Every structure is written in structure tokens, then in C-alpha cells.
Amino acid sequence: MNVLTFEIPGDVQAQQRPRVTRNGTFDPKESKDYKSFVRLVASQVAPETLITEDIKLTIDVYRKMPKAISNSKKSYSRR
């Protein structure tokens, strides 16, 4: 089985709600830009031939801990 591994640097951008108008549906600029960036990074490791077999996808997301939680004296592991 072939393995493709790549990392998308920077903070994760959540998909924002699209705007719906009489002229169509539009992605907010931040969401559109982030999706284009992810597409660019992924295209750099994409194989030359189309993958036609089943795949297994694993995504690891690493985020900074929010200050509100990291400064708290409460222990969240006791719940």
C-alpha cells in the first residue's frame, strides 16, 4: 500500500457559513483562501496517476491550548 504524508502548516481554519444571494452561493474569503492553500499543499505530494483503489485516511490536528484553559487551576482530567 502506498503512503502519502504531508503537513499543512499554520492554524486550522474552520469552514465558515456560505453566503446565499439571488446570484448564487459564495464562500467567505477566509474559507476560500484556506481551501486553496490546502489544495496547493496536497497537490505537491499527489501521485501522477489517479488512485482507483480503496484508501484509508488519517488526520491528526494539533492546536494550541486556549489561554482560558491553560491558565485555569481546575483539573480537567477528573471529570
Protein backbone atom coordinates (compact mmCIF):
# COMPACT_ATOMS: atom_id res chain seq x y z
CA MET A 1 0.00 0.00 0.00
CA ASN A 2 1.35 3.42 -0.93
CA VAL A 3 1.51 6.08 1.77
CA LEU A 4 1.10 9.80 1.19
CA THR A 5 2.05 12.02 4.11
CA PHE A 6 2.01 15.78 4.24
CA GLU A 7 1.65 18.58 6.77
CA ILE A 8 -0.38 21.74 6.37
CA PRO A 9 1.45 24.47 8.31
CA GLY A 10 -0.35 27.20 10.22
CA ASP A 11 -3.58 27.37 12.17
CA VAL A 12 -6.63 25.34 11.17
CA GLN A 13 -9.34 27.44 9.51
CA ALA A 14 -12.90 26.29 10.18
CA GLN A 15 -15.33 26.24 7.27
CA GLN A 16 -17.48 29.34 7.61
CA ARG A 17 -21.12 29.55 6.64
CA PRO A 18 -21.53 30.35 2.92
CA ARG A 19 -23.44 33.45 1.86
CA VAL A 20 -26.56 32.80 -0.18
CA THR A 21 -27.79 35.53 -2.51
CA ARG A 22 -30.03 35.75 -5.55
CA ASN A 23 -26.91 35.38 -7.69
CA GLY A 24 -25.73 32.15 -6.07
CA THR A 25 -23.83 30.81 -3.07
CA PHE A 26 -20.48 32.29 -2.09
CA ASP A 27 -17.74 31.04 0.22
CA PRO A 28 -16.32 33.61 2.66
CA LYS A 29 -12.83 34.79 1.64
CA GLU A 30 -11.07 33.15 4.63
CA SER A 31 -12.59 29.74 3.91
CA LYS A 32 -11.92 30.01 0.19
CA ASP A 33 -8.29 31.02 0.75
CA TYR A 34 -7.67 28.21 3.26
CA LYS A 35 -9.16 25.55 0.98
CA SER A 36 -6.97 26.81 -1.87
CA PHE A 37 -3.91 26.60 0.39
CA VAL A 38 -4.72 23.03 1.46
CA ARG A 39 -5.26 22.07 -2.20
CA LEU A 40 -1.86 23.56 -3.11
CA VAL A 41 -0.01 21.69 -0.33
CA ALA A 42 -1.76 18.40 -1.17
CA SER A 43 -1.04 18.77 -4.89
CA GLN A 44 2.69 18.82 -4.16
CA VAL A 45 2.58 15.20 -2.93
CA ALA A 46 -0.21 13.91 -5.20
CA PRO A 47 0.69 10.84 -7.28
CA GLU A 48 0.92 11.16 -11.05
CA THR A 49 -1.79 8.55 -11.65
CA LEU A 50 -5.30 8.62 -10.23
CA ILE A 51 -5.86 6.42 -7.15
CA THR A 52 -8.60 3.93 -8.05
CA GLU A 53 -8.40 1.60 -5.05
CA ASP A 54 -9.80 1.99 -1.54
CA ILE A 55 -7.91 4.39 0.70
CA LYS A 56 -7.50 4.88 4.44
CA LEU A 57 -7.43 8.49 5.61
CA THR A 58 -5.95 9.55 8.94
CA ILE A 59 -5.96 13.19 10.03
CA ASP A 60 -4.09 14.45 13.09
CA VAL A 61 -4.94 18.01 14.13
CA TYR A 62 -2.70 19.81 16.60
CA ARG A 63 -3.93 23.08 18.09
CA LYS A 64 -2.65 25.38 20.77
CA MET A 65 -4.47 25.13 24.08
CA PRO A 66 -6.71 28.18 24.62
CA LYS A 67 -5.42 30.58 27.27
CA ALA A 68 -8.69 30.27 29.22
CA ILE A 69 -7.97 26.57 29.77
CA SER A 70 -4.20 26.71 30.15
CA ASN A 71 -4.44 29.42 32.84
CA SER A 72 -7.18 27.63 34.75
CA LYS A 73 -6.32 25.92 38.03
CA LYS A 74 -9.02 23.29 37.51
CA SER A 75 -8.03 19.76 36.58
CA TYR A 76 -9.99 18.64 33.55
CA SER A 77 -8.85 15.03 33.87
CA ARG A 78 -11.02 14.39 36.97
CA ARG A 79 -14.38 14.55 35.18
